[in-house]
Protein backbone atom coordinates (compact mmCIF):
# COMPACT_ATOMS: atom_id res chain seq x y z
CA MET A 1 25.42 -14.83 41.67
CA ARG A 2 25.10 -11.91 39.27
CA ALA A 3 28.01 -10.21 41.05
CA TYR A 4 30.31 -12.91 39.67
CA HIS A 5 29.04 -12.65 36.09
CA PRO A 6 31.99 -10.55 34.79
CA ALA A 7 34.48 -13.20 35.94
CA LEU A 8 32.32 -16.05 34.64
CA ASN A 9 31.77 -14.23 31.35
CA ALA A 10 35.52 -13.85 30.89
CA LEU A 11 35.96 -17.51 31.88
CA GLY A 12 33.58 -18.46 29.07
CA LEU A 13 35.80 -16.59 26.61
CA ILE A 14 38.91 -18.29 27.98
CA ILE A 15 37.29 -21.71 27.61
CA MET A 16 36.35 -20.92 24.01
CA ILE A 17 39.90 -19.81 23.23
CA PHE A 18 41.24 -22.94 24.91
CA GLY A 19 38.93 -25.03 22.72
CA LEU A 20 40.24 -23.31 19.62
CA LEU A 21 43.80 -24.14 20.69
CA MET A 22 42.83 -27.81 20.35
CA GLY A 23 42.69 -27.12 16.63
CA PHE A 24 46.48 -27.38 16.55
CA PRO A 25 46.77 -31.06 17.62
CA LEU A 26 43.60 -31.75 15.63
CA ALA A 27 45.27 -30.46 12.45
CA VAL A 28 48.40 -32.51 13.22
CA SER A 29 46.31 -35.63 13.81
CA ALA A 30 44.41 -35.14 10.55
CA TRP A 31 47.63 -34.51 8.63
CA LEU A 32 49.43 -37.55 10.02
CA GLY A 33 46.36 -39.78 10.12
CA ASP A 34 47.32 -41.03 13.59
CA GLY A 35 43.81 -42.12 14.56
CA ALA A 36 43.11 -39.47 17.21
CA THR A 37 41.18 -37.02 15.01
CA LEU A 38 37.75 -38.00 16.35
CA ALA A 39 38.94 -37.48 19.95
CA TYR A 40 39.92 -33.90 19.13
CA ASP A 41 36.72 -33.27 17.14
CA GLN A 42 34.64 -34.24 20.16
CA ALA A 43 36.81 -32.41 22.69
CA LEU A 44 36.94 -29.21 20.64
CA MET A 45 33.18 -29.10 20.10
CA VAL A 46 32.34 -29.81 23.74
CA THR A 47 34.87 -27.27 25.01
CA PHE A 48 33.82 -24.50 22.66
CA ALA A 49 30.10 -25.16 23.26
CA CYS A 50 30.50 -25.05 27.06
CA GLY A 51 32.50 -21.83 26.85
CA ALA A 52 29.96 -20.25 24.52
CA LEU A 53 27.03 -21.18 26.77
CA LEU A 54 28.76 -19.79 29.85
CA TRP A 55 29.61 -16.60 27.97
CA MET A 56 26.04 -16.12 26.68
CA PHE A 57 24.31 -16.76 30.02
CA THR A 58 26.57 -14.32 31.91
CA ARG A 59 26.45 -11.40 29.51
CA GLN A 60 25.69 -8.02 31.07
CA PRO A 61 26.81 -4.42 30.64
CA ARG A 62 30.60 -4.40 30.42
CA ARG A 63 32.78 -3.34 33.30
CA ASP A 64 36.45 -3.83 34.00
CA LEU A 65 37.50 -6.74 36.16
CA ARG A 66 37.97 -5.86 39.81
CA VAL A 67 40.30 -7.43 42.35
CA HIS A 68 37.75 -10.07 43.40
CA ASP A 69 37.00 -10.86 39.75
CA GLY A 70 40.69 -11.31 38.95
CA PHE A 71 41.27 -13.79 41.76
CA LEU A 72 38.09 -15.74 41.02
CA LEU A 73 38.78 -15.88 37.29
CA VAL A 74 42.37 -17.09 37.65
CA VAL A 75 41.49 -19.82 40.15
CA ALA A 76 38.42 -20.90 38.18
CA ALA A 77 40.44 -21.06 34.96
CA TRP A 78 43.16 -23.27 36.48
CA VAL A 79 40.58 -25.58 38.06
CA VAL A 80 38.20 -25.78 35.09
CA LEU A 81 40.52 -25.81 32.07
CA PRO A 82 42.08 -29.18 32.99
CA VAL A 83 38.58 -30.70 32.74
CA PHE A 84 38.54 -29.75 29.07
CA GLY A 85 42.23 -30.50 28.60
CA ALA A 86 41.49 -34.04 29.75
CA LEU A 87 38.80 -34.62 27.11
CA PRO A 88 41.10 -35.70 24.23
CA LEU A 89 42.84 -38.15 26.59
CA LEU A 90 39.52 -39.58 27.81
CA ALA A 91 38.19 -39.89 24.28
CA TYR A 92 41.29 -41.64 22.90
CA LEU A 93 42.27 -43.76 25.93
CA PRO A 94 39.04 -45.53 26.97
CA GLY A 95 40.65 -47.27 29.95
CA LEU A 96 41.72 -43.97 31.48
CA SER A 97 39.69 -42.83 34.50
CA PHE A 98 38.50 -39.25 34.82
CA THR A 99 40.68 -38.81 37.92
CA HIS A 100 43.83 -39.80 36.06
CA ALA A 101 42.86 -37.81 32.97
CA TYR A 102 42.26 -34.70 35.09
CA PHE A 103 45.54 -35.29 36.95
CA GLU A 104 47.40 -35.54 33.62
CA ALA A 105 45.78 -32.35 32.32
CA VAL A 106 46.50 -30.45 35.55
CA SER A 107 50.09 -31.66 35.34
CA GLY A 108 50.22 -30.45 31.74
CA LEU A 109 48.73 -26.99 32.26
CA THR A 110 50.69 -26.31 35.46
CA ALA A 111 53.87 -27.41 33.63
CA THR A 112 54.56 -30.01 36.30
CA GLY A 113 55.18 -33.11 34.19
CA ALA A 114 53.97 -35.68 36.73
CA THR A 115 52.42 -38.35 34.51
CA VAL A 116 50.14 -41.32 35.08
CA LEU A 117 50.53 -42.64 31.53
CA SER A 118 52.85 -45.36 30.26
CA GLY A 119 53.47 -46.65 26.75
CA LEU A 120 54.20 -43.10 25.59
CA ASP A 121 56.35 -44.36 22.70
CA ASP A 122 53.25 -45.98 21.17
CA LEU A 123 50.85 -43.06 21.59
CA PRO A 124 49.87 -41.03 18.51
CA VAL A 125 52.08 -38.00 17.88
CA SER A 126 49.13 -35.65 18.36
CA ILE A 127 48.36 -37.01 21.86
CA ASN A 128 51.94 -36.46 23.03
CA LEU A 129 51.87 -33.11 21.26
CA TRP A 130 48.71 -32.07 23.14
CA ARG A 131 50.22 -33.11 26.49
CA THR A 132 53.30 -30.94 25.94
CA PHE A 133 51.36 -28.16 24.20
CA MET A 134 49.47 -27.81 27.49
CA HIS A 135 52.90 -27.30 29.12
CA TRP A 136 53.60 -24.56 26.64
CA ILE A 137 50.24 -22.84 27.18
CA GLY A 138 50.44 -23.13 30.96
CA GLY A 139 54.16 -22.46 31.28
CA MET A 140 53.86 -18.76 30.62
CA GLY A 141 50.30 -18.83 31.90
CA VAL A 142 47.19 -19.15 29.82
CA ILE A 143 45.83 -16.08 31.59
CA VAL A 144 48.79 -13.99 30.41
CA LEU A 145 48.06 -15.17 26.87
CA VAL A 146 44.43 -14.18 27.19
CA VAL A 147 45.34 -10.80 28.73
CA ALA A 148 46.75 -9.94 25.31
CA ILE A 149 43.45 -10.88 23.65
CA LEU A 150 40.59 -9.95 25.99
CA PRO A 151 41.07 -6.16 25.70
CA LEU A 152 40.18 -6.54 22.04
CA LEU A 153 36.83 -7.83 23.29
CA GLY A 154 36.34 -4.96 25.74
CA ILE A 155 37.43 -6.76 28.91
CA GLY A 156 40.30 -5.33 30.95
CA GLY A 157 43.01 -7.75 31.99
CA ARG A 158 45.20 -6.01 34.60
CA GLN A 159 43.62 -7.79 37.58
CA MET A 160 44.04 -11.16 35.89
CA PHE A 161 47.67 -10.42 35.09
CA LYS A 162 48.45 -9.35 38.67
CA ALA A 163 46.84 -12.50 40.08
CA GLU A 164 48.51 -14.80 37.56
CA VAL A 165 52.08 -13.58 37.01
CA PRO A 166 54.44 -15.58 39.27
CA THR A 167 56.60 -12.92 40.92
CA PRO A 168 56.67 -11.10 44.25
CA MET A 169 56.76 -7.72 42.47
CA LYS A 170 53.55 -7.81 40.46
CA GLU A 171 52.94 -4.08 40.28
CA SER A 172 55.79 -3.48 37.84
CA SER A 173 55.35 -3.92 34.11
CA LEU A 174 57.57 -3.60 31.08
CA THR A 175 55.28 -1.30 29.16
CA PRO A 176 52.58 1.22 30.15
CA ARG A 177 49.81 -1.05 28.86
CA ILE A 178 49.39 -4.48 30.45
CA THR A 179 48.41 -5.97 27.08
CA GLU A 180 51.69 -4.87 25.56
CA THR A 181 53.53 -6.38 28.52
CA ALA A 182 51.85 -9.75 27.98
CA LYS A 183 52.58 -9.61 24.26
CA GLY A 184 56.22 -8.78 24.92
CA LEU A 185 56.60 -11.77 27.23
CA TRP A 186 55.00 -14.04 24.65
CA VAL A 187 57.28 -12.81 21.87
CA SER A 188 60.29 -13.83 23.97
CA TYR A 189 58.63 -17.14 24.84
CA ILE A 190 57.87 -18.02 21.22
CA LEU A 191 61.36 -17.11 20.01
CA LEU A 192 62.99 -19.27 22.70
CA THR A 193 60.67 -22.18 21.84
CA VAL A 194 61.47 -21.96 18.13
CA ALA A 195 65.20 -21.77 18.82
CA CYS A 196 65.00 -24.78 21.14
CA GLY A 197 63.04 -26.88 18.64
CA LEU A 198 65.41 -26.09 15.79
CA SER A 199 68.44 -26.84 17.97
CA LEU A 200 67.05 -30.21 19.04
CA TRP A 201 66.30 -31.07 15.42
CA TRP A 202 69.81 -29.99 14.41
CA VAL A 203 71.48 -32.29 16.97
CA GLY A 204 69.54 -35.36 15.88
CA MET A 205 65.95 -35.44 17.14
CA GLU A 206 63.17 -36.29 14.73
CA PRO A 207 61.11 -33.17 13.86
CA TRP A 208 58.01 -34.11 15.88
CA ASP A 209 60.07 -35.17 18.89
CA ALA A 210 61.99 -31.89 18.63
CA LEU A 211 58.75 -29.88 18.64
CA ILE A 212 57.28 -31.89 21.52
CA HIS A 213 60.39 -31.47 23.66
CA ALA A 214 60.72 -27.79 22.71
CA PHE A 215 57.26 -27.20 24.22
CA THR A 216 58.36 -29.12 27.31
CA VAL A 217 61.67 -27.27 27.75
CA ALA A 218 60.30 -23.77 27.10
CA GLY A 219 57.45 -24.36 29.54
CA LEU A 220 59.80 -26.17 32.00
CA GLY A 221 57.23 -28.94 32.06
CA GLY A 222 58.58 -32.48 32.01
CA PHE A 223 56.32 -34.53 29.74
CA SER A 224 58.14 -36.50 27.07
CA SER A 225 57.08 -38.60 24.11
CA LYS A 226 59.20 -41.47 25.49
CA ASP A 227 58.74 -43.65 28.57
CA ALA A 228 62.48 -43.36 29.24
CA SER A 229 62.19 -39.56 29.05
CA LEU A 230 65.26 -37.92 27.50
CA GLY A 231 67.32 -41.00 28.35
CA HIS A 232 65.71 -42.68 25.33
CA PHE A 233 67.96 -40.72 22.99
CA HIS A 234 71.34 -41.51 24.62
CA SER A 235 72.74 -38.29 23.17
CA ILE A 236 75.05 -35.91 24.99
CA GLU A 237 74.43 -33.28 22.29
CA ILE A 238 70.68 -33.35 22.99
CA GLU A 239 71.35 -33.14 26.73
CA ILE A 240 73.57 -30.08 26.26
CA VAL A 241 70.90 -28.34 24.18
CA VAL A 242 68.28 -29.09 26.84
CA ILE A 243 70.56 -27.81 29.61
CA VAL A 244 71.18 -24.53 27.75
CA PHE A 245 67.53 -23.86 27.01
CA ALA A 246 66.38 -24.98 30.46
CA LEU A 247 68.75 -22.39 31.91
CA LEU A 248 67.35 -19.74 29.55
CA ALA A 249 63.76 -20.71 30.42
CA GLY A 250 64.67 -20.50 34.10
CA LEU A 251 65.53 -16.80 33.71
CA ASN A 252 63.05 -13.96 33.88
CA TYR A 253 61.31 -13.59 30.51
CA ALA A 254 61.12 -9.87 31.15
CA THR A 255 64.92 -9.84 31.03
CA HIS A 256 64.84 -11.71 27.71
CA TYR A 257 62.34 -9.21 26.34
CA LEU A 258 64.37 -6.18 27.42
CA ALA A 259 67.52 -7.68 25.90
CA LEU A 260 65.61 -8.30 22.67
CA VAL A 261 64.11 -4.81 22.48
CA ARG A 262 67.33 -3.01 23.40
CA ARG A 263 69.53 -5.30 21.27
CA SER A 264 71.86 -5.54 24.23
CA LEU A 265 73.11 -8.08 26.78
CA MET A 266 73.13 -5.47 29.55
CA PRO A 267 69.71 -6.50 30.94
CA TYR A 268 71.25 -9.87 31.82
CA PHE A 269 74.13 -8.19 33.67
CA ASN A 270 71.68 -5.89 35.46
CA ASP A 271 69.36 -8.69 36.61
CA PRO A 272 70.19 -9.29 40.30
CA GLU A 273 68.86 -12.87 40.26
CA ILE A 274 71.16 -14.23 37.55
CA PRO A 275 74.45 -14.35 39.54
CA PHE A 276 72.73 -16.27 42.35
CA PHE A 277 70.87 -18.49 39.84
CA LEU A 278 74.02 -19.51 37.98
CA GLY A 279 76.24 -19.53 41.06
CA VAL A 280 74.10 -21.94 43.09
CA LEU A 281 73.70 -24.26 40.10
CA LEU A 282 77.44 -24.28 39.38
CA LEU A 283 78.37 -24.97 43.01
CA SER A 284 75.74 -27.74 43.17
CA VAL A 285 77.08 -29.42 40.02
CA LEU A 286 80.67 -29.31 41.26
CA GLY A 287 79.77 -30.35 44.80
CA LEU A 288 77.56 -33.28 43.80
CA THR A 289 80.06 -34.45 41.19
CA ILE A 290 82.80 -34.64 43.83
CA TYR A 291 80.40 -36.20 46.36
CA LEU A 292 79.13 -38.92 43.99
CA SER A 293 82.66 -39.68 42.82
CA GLN A 294 83.44 -40.85 46.36
CA PHE A 295 80.67 -43.46 46.02
CA HIS A 296 81.63 -44.50 42.46
CA ALA A 297 78.06 -43.79 41.37
CA HIS A 298 79.18 -43.83 37.72
CA SER A 299 82.01 -45.42 35.78
CA ASP A 300 84.22 -42.32 35.56
CA LEU A 301 84.38 -38.64 36.47
CA GLY A 302 83.17 -37.53 33.02
CA SER A 303 80.01 -39.66 33.26
CA THR A 304 79.37 -38.41 36.78
CA LEU A 305 79.68 -34.79 35.65
CA ARG A 306 77.38 -35.47 32.69
CA TYR A 307 74.56 -37.00 34.75
CA VAL A 308 74.91 -34.56 37.63
CA SER A 309 74.91 -31.51 35.35
CA PHE A 310 71.79 -32.59 33.52
CA HIS A 311 69.75 -33.56 36.56
CA VAL A 312 70.79 -30.59 38.68
CA VAL A 313 69.64 -28.21 35.94
CA SER A 314 66.55 -30.25 35.03
CA ILE A 315 65.21 -30.72 38.55
CA ALA A 316 66.34 -27.35 39.93
CA THR A 317 64.66 -25.37 37.15
CA SER A 318 61.55 -27.61 37.54
CA LEU A 319 61.94 -29.01 34.01
CA GLY A 320 61.75 -32.58 35.28
CA LEU A 321 63.19 -34.51 32.31
CA ALA A 322 65.56 -37.35 33.20
CA THR A 323 68.28 -39.40 31.55
CA TYR A 324 69.02 -41.66 34.51
CA ASP A 325 67.30 -43.01 37.62
CA TYR A 326 68.86 -40.62 40.13
CA THR A 327 67.10 -42.43 43.01
CA LEU A 328 70.05 -44.85 42.74
CA TRP A 329 72.27 -42.07 44.10
CA PRO A 330 72.86 -41.67 47.86
CA MET A 331 69.88 -40.02 49.58
CA PHE A 332 71.77 -36.76 50.20
CA ALA A 333 72.21 -36.19 46.45
CA GLN A 334 68.55 -37.00 45.79
CA LEU A 335 67.32 -34.60 48.46
CA TRP A 336 69.70 -31.86 47.36
CA ILE A 337 68.47 -31.69 43.77
CA LEU A 338 64.86 -31.92 45.01
CA PHE A 339 65.59 -29.03 47.40
CA LEU A 340 67.10 -26.94 44.60
CA GLY A 341 63.77 -27.07 42.77
CA SER A 342 62.23 -25.11 45.63
CA PHE A 343 63.94 -21.81 44.82
CA ILE A 344 66.30 -21.82 41.81
CA ALA A 345 63.98 -20.59 39.04
CA CYS A 346 63.95 -16.82 38.62
CA SER A 347 60.82 -14.72 39.06
CA GLY A 348 59.04 -14.20 35.77
CA SER A 349 60.27 -17.57 34.45
CA THR A 350 58.18 -20.62 33.65
CA GLY A 351 59.75 -22.50 36.59
CA GLY A 352 58.14 -23.36 39.91
CA GLY A 353 59.05 -23.03 43.57
CA ILE A 354 59.32 -19.88 45.66
CA LYS A 355 61.60 -18.30 43.00
CA MET A 356 65.15 -17.02 43.37
CA MET A 357 64.05 -13.46 44.09
CA ARG A 358 62.16 -14.52 47.20
CA ALA A 359 65.08 -16.72 48.29
CA MET A 360 67.42 -13.73 47.93
CA ILE A 361 65.08 -11.50 49.92
CA LEU A 362 64.80 -14.12 52.67
CA TYR A 363 68.58 -14.49 52.83
CA LYS A 364 69.16 -10.74 52.98
CA GLN A 365 66.43 -10.29 55.59
CA PHE A 366 68.05 -13.04 57.69
CA PHE A 367 71.43 -11.31 57.40
CA ARG A 368 69.83 -7.97 58.32
CA GLU A 369 68.36 -9.50 61.48
CA ILE A 370 71.82 -10.76 62.47
CA VAL A 371 73.22 -7.22 62.02
CA ARG A 372 70.31 -5.80 64.02
CA SER A 373 71.04 -8.22 66.86
CA LEU A 374 74.57 -6.83 67.08
CA HIS A 375 73.70 -3.21 66.24
CA PRO A 376 70.05 -2.51 67.24
CA ASN A 377 70.12 1.06 65.94
CA ALA A 378 71.67 0.24 62.55
CA VAL A 379 69.68 1.22 59.47
CA ARG A 380 70.30 -1.44 56.85
CA PRO A 381 67.64 -1.71 54.13
CA VAL A 382 67.27 -4.90 52.15
CA ARG A 383 68.31 -4.29 48.55
CA LEU A 384 68.00 -6.16 45.28
CA GLY A 385 70.76 -4.76 43.14
CA SER A 386 70.62 -1.02 43.80
CA GLN A 387 66.90 -0.99 44.57
CA PRO A 388 65.64 -1.10 48.18
CA VAL A 389 62.92 -3.63 48.92
CA SER A 390 59.87 -2.13 50.59
CA GLU A 391 58.64 -3.42 53.93
CA GLY A 392 55.39 -4.46 52.25
CA ILE A 393 57.23 -6.79 49.90
CA LEU A 394 59.32 -8.15 52.79
CA HIS A 395 56.19 -8.98 54.75
CA ALA A 396 54.58 -10.56 51.68
CA VAL A 397 57.64 -12.74 51.06
CA LEU A 398 57.79 -13.83 54.69
CA GLY A 399 54.07 -14.65 54.66
CA PHE A 400 54.35 -16.57 51.43
CA SER A 401 57.36 -18.55 52.66
CA PHE A 402 55.53 -19.48 55.86
CA MET A 403 52.48 -20.72 53.94
CA TYR A 404 54.75 -22.57 51.51
CA MET A 405 56.29 -24.57 54.37
CA VAL A 406 52.93 -25.09 56.09
CA SER A 407 51.45 -26.39 52.83
CA ILE A 408 54.28 -28.89 52.33
CA VAL A 409 54.06 -30.21 55.89
CA THR A 410 50.25 -30.40 55.89
CA LEU A 411 49.93 -32.11 52.51
CA THR A 412 52.77 -34.53 53.35
CA LEU A 413 50.93 -35.56 56.52
CA VAL A 414 47.69 -35.98 54.54
CA LEU A 415 49.37 -38.27 51.99
CA SER A 416 51.23 -40.15 54.72
CA ALA A 417 47.93 -40.75 56.54
CA SER A 418 46.49 -42.12 53.29
CA GLY A 419 49.07 -44.91 53.27
CA LEU A 420 52.10 -43.58 51.37
CA ASP A 421 55.57 -44.02 52.82
CA ILE A 422 57.06 -40.78 54.08
CA VAL A 423 59.73 -40.46 51.35
CA THR A 424 57.17 -40.85 48.57
CA ALA A 425 54.64 -38.59 50.29
CA PHE A 426 57.12 -35.80 51.02
CA SER A 427 58.84 -35.88 47.65
CA ALA A 428 55.54 -36.06 45.75
CA VAL A 429 54.26 -32.97 47.55
CA VAL A 430 57.53 -31.07 47.02
CA ALA A 431 57.69 -32.12 43.35
CA CYS A 432 54.06 -31.10 42.74
CA ILE A 433 54.02 -27.82 44.66
CA ASN A 434 57.26 -26.82 42.88
CA ASN A 435 55.80 -28.07 39.54
CA THR A 436 58.87 -30.27 39.07
CA GLY A 437 57.25 -33.64 38.26
CA PRO A 438 59.38 -36.60 39.32
CA GLY A 439 60.04 -37.09 43.02
CA LEU A 440 61.65 -39.88 45.01
CA GLY A 441 60.58 -43.32 46.13
CA ALA A 442 57.54 -44.64 44.26
CA VAL A 443 57.28 -41.44 42.18
CA GLY A 444 60.92 -41.30 41.07
CA PRO A 445 62.05 -40.87 37.46
CA ALA A 446 61.90 -44.62 36.80
CA ASP A 447 58.24 -44.75 37.90
CA ASN A 448 55.26 -42.42 37.62
CA TYR A 449 52.14 -41.37 39.52
CA ALA A 450 49.86 -44.14 38.22
CA GLY A 451 50.21 -45.94 41.56
CA MET A 452 48.41 -43.16 43.44
CA ASP A 453 44.84 -43.97 44.47
CA VAL A 454 41.90 -41.65 43.73
CA PHE A 455 42.25 -39.62 46.94
CA GLN A 456 46.02 -39.22 46.57
CA SER A 457 45.66 -38.18 42.93
CA TRP A 458 43.19 -35.42 43.80
CA VAL A 459 45.38 -34.20 46.66
CA LEU A 460 48.36 -33.94 44.31
CA ALA A 461 46.28 -32.29 41.58
CA PHE A 462 45.27 -29.68 44.16
CA THR A 463 48.94 -29.35 45.15
CA MET A 464 50.02 -28.67 41.56
CA ILE A 465 47.43 -25.91 41.13
CA LEU A 466 48.32 -24.49 44.54
CA GLY A 467 51.97 -24.31 43.52
CA ARG A 468 51.26 -22.88 40.07
CA LEU A 469 49.16 -20.07 41.57
CA GLU A 470 51.77 -19.51 44.28
CA ILE A 471 49.49 -20.48 47.16
CA PHE A 472 47.96 -17.12 48.10
CA THR A 473 45.95 -16.66 44.91
CA PHE A 474 44.24 -19.99 45.57
CA LEU A 475 43.88 -19.60 49.33
CA VAL A 476 42.34 -16.14 49.02
CA VAL A 477 39.38 -17.61 47.14
CA LEU A 478 38.90 -20.24 49.88
CA THR A 479 38.49 -17.66 52.66
CA PRO A 480 34.95 -16.63 53.82
CA MET A 481 36.00 -12.96 53.56
CA PHE A 482 36.40 -13.30 49.79
CA TRP A 483 32.75 -14.26 49.31
CA ARG A 484 31.35 -11.40 51.40
CA ARG A 485 30.11 -8.68 49.07
């Protein structure tokens, strides 16, 4: 057990920091007098005390985190932190079961947005704020946040960062020091969040609603302070702002940071993912608008374009906010936007799915195999922009894509065997593994996940964490080889 003390010691620090972050909704609750202050008092004290005890009992001579430590710490953090994130919900909502509270917290921290709660309009501001603040913390990755802090305490963070950052090219960094890289990403993240909140306030949202939805949009989460989601506001201006910032959040934050540091738009033109990202979204909007017009899904072409544009961007980027029950559309349109959420978000963004970079690599590898079939001796390397992709990365992408499909099929069969209809089971798994939130059938945008039984809720909570950690990080820890020292 002592071999795992460095990871557990760092986990204790992370839990303490997470507890301190509860001070934000606590201060808001005390300021507004919304009645939830005691819930945060209790949750903060329990969280900080548990983290402190774990930290004290695992202290030993300092050493940097190794590969095993990084994997164990990241998985442990994403499994354990939702337990503490659920505490304010359990303390304030006495009828809420631990299973549903944990599911809600997992959905918050993984920036999924699949909720089991209703009556959101009547909840205290601080409770809705905490739910979306978890999106904001988890969107960029709480581990990336802590990577910028732990070196100050003498604990190296490179292994954590490599295990946590969602991208197939984890060896690259923006700056020579991993701490500076994490800080740079967070600067971009904070600036985008502030700009989103101010824009939503400017176009008519109340200040607290603007802040809550800014956390949701920046983290590409999906929680809202309204049961009707963004449809509550009936505002095309708000929808346009959300579309713009969802697109920005769906881009690589490293690109944002480089553009900020260099005071130039060239990093956006040099990013090979962006043309595919915008091109697929634009073609999907135009195609679905024309398709739905044939079925008279909405009163006129303008309304069709409005609803299609919003939901294509929202679901594809894994934001998950809704203004309309798109399960009323023909099944092809429903499945298409759900499918988009599997790959649209760029690597290094807060979105879910396999990421656009992997999709591009898979497409180019497929095309290369066609060329090889016709010209066996041809040398045609796979390139992203002007850079060749190494065979190691190609194999990693192929392996990841295989496990992604296997996970969806396996978990869909598990949920189907538990009694769910196949549309609900499949869409719930796809929505959770892609961290999108709403699915189809009984988990569509007009419903939520409260109808899932205990077993189904735990399966989907596991699915959300599996998707957030991009499958391999989680599965590595489950292999017997990992535990052999």
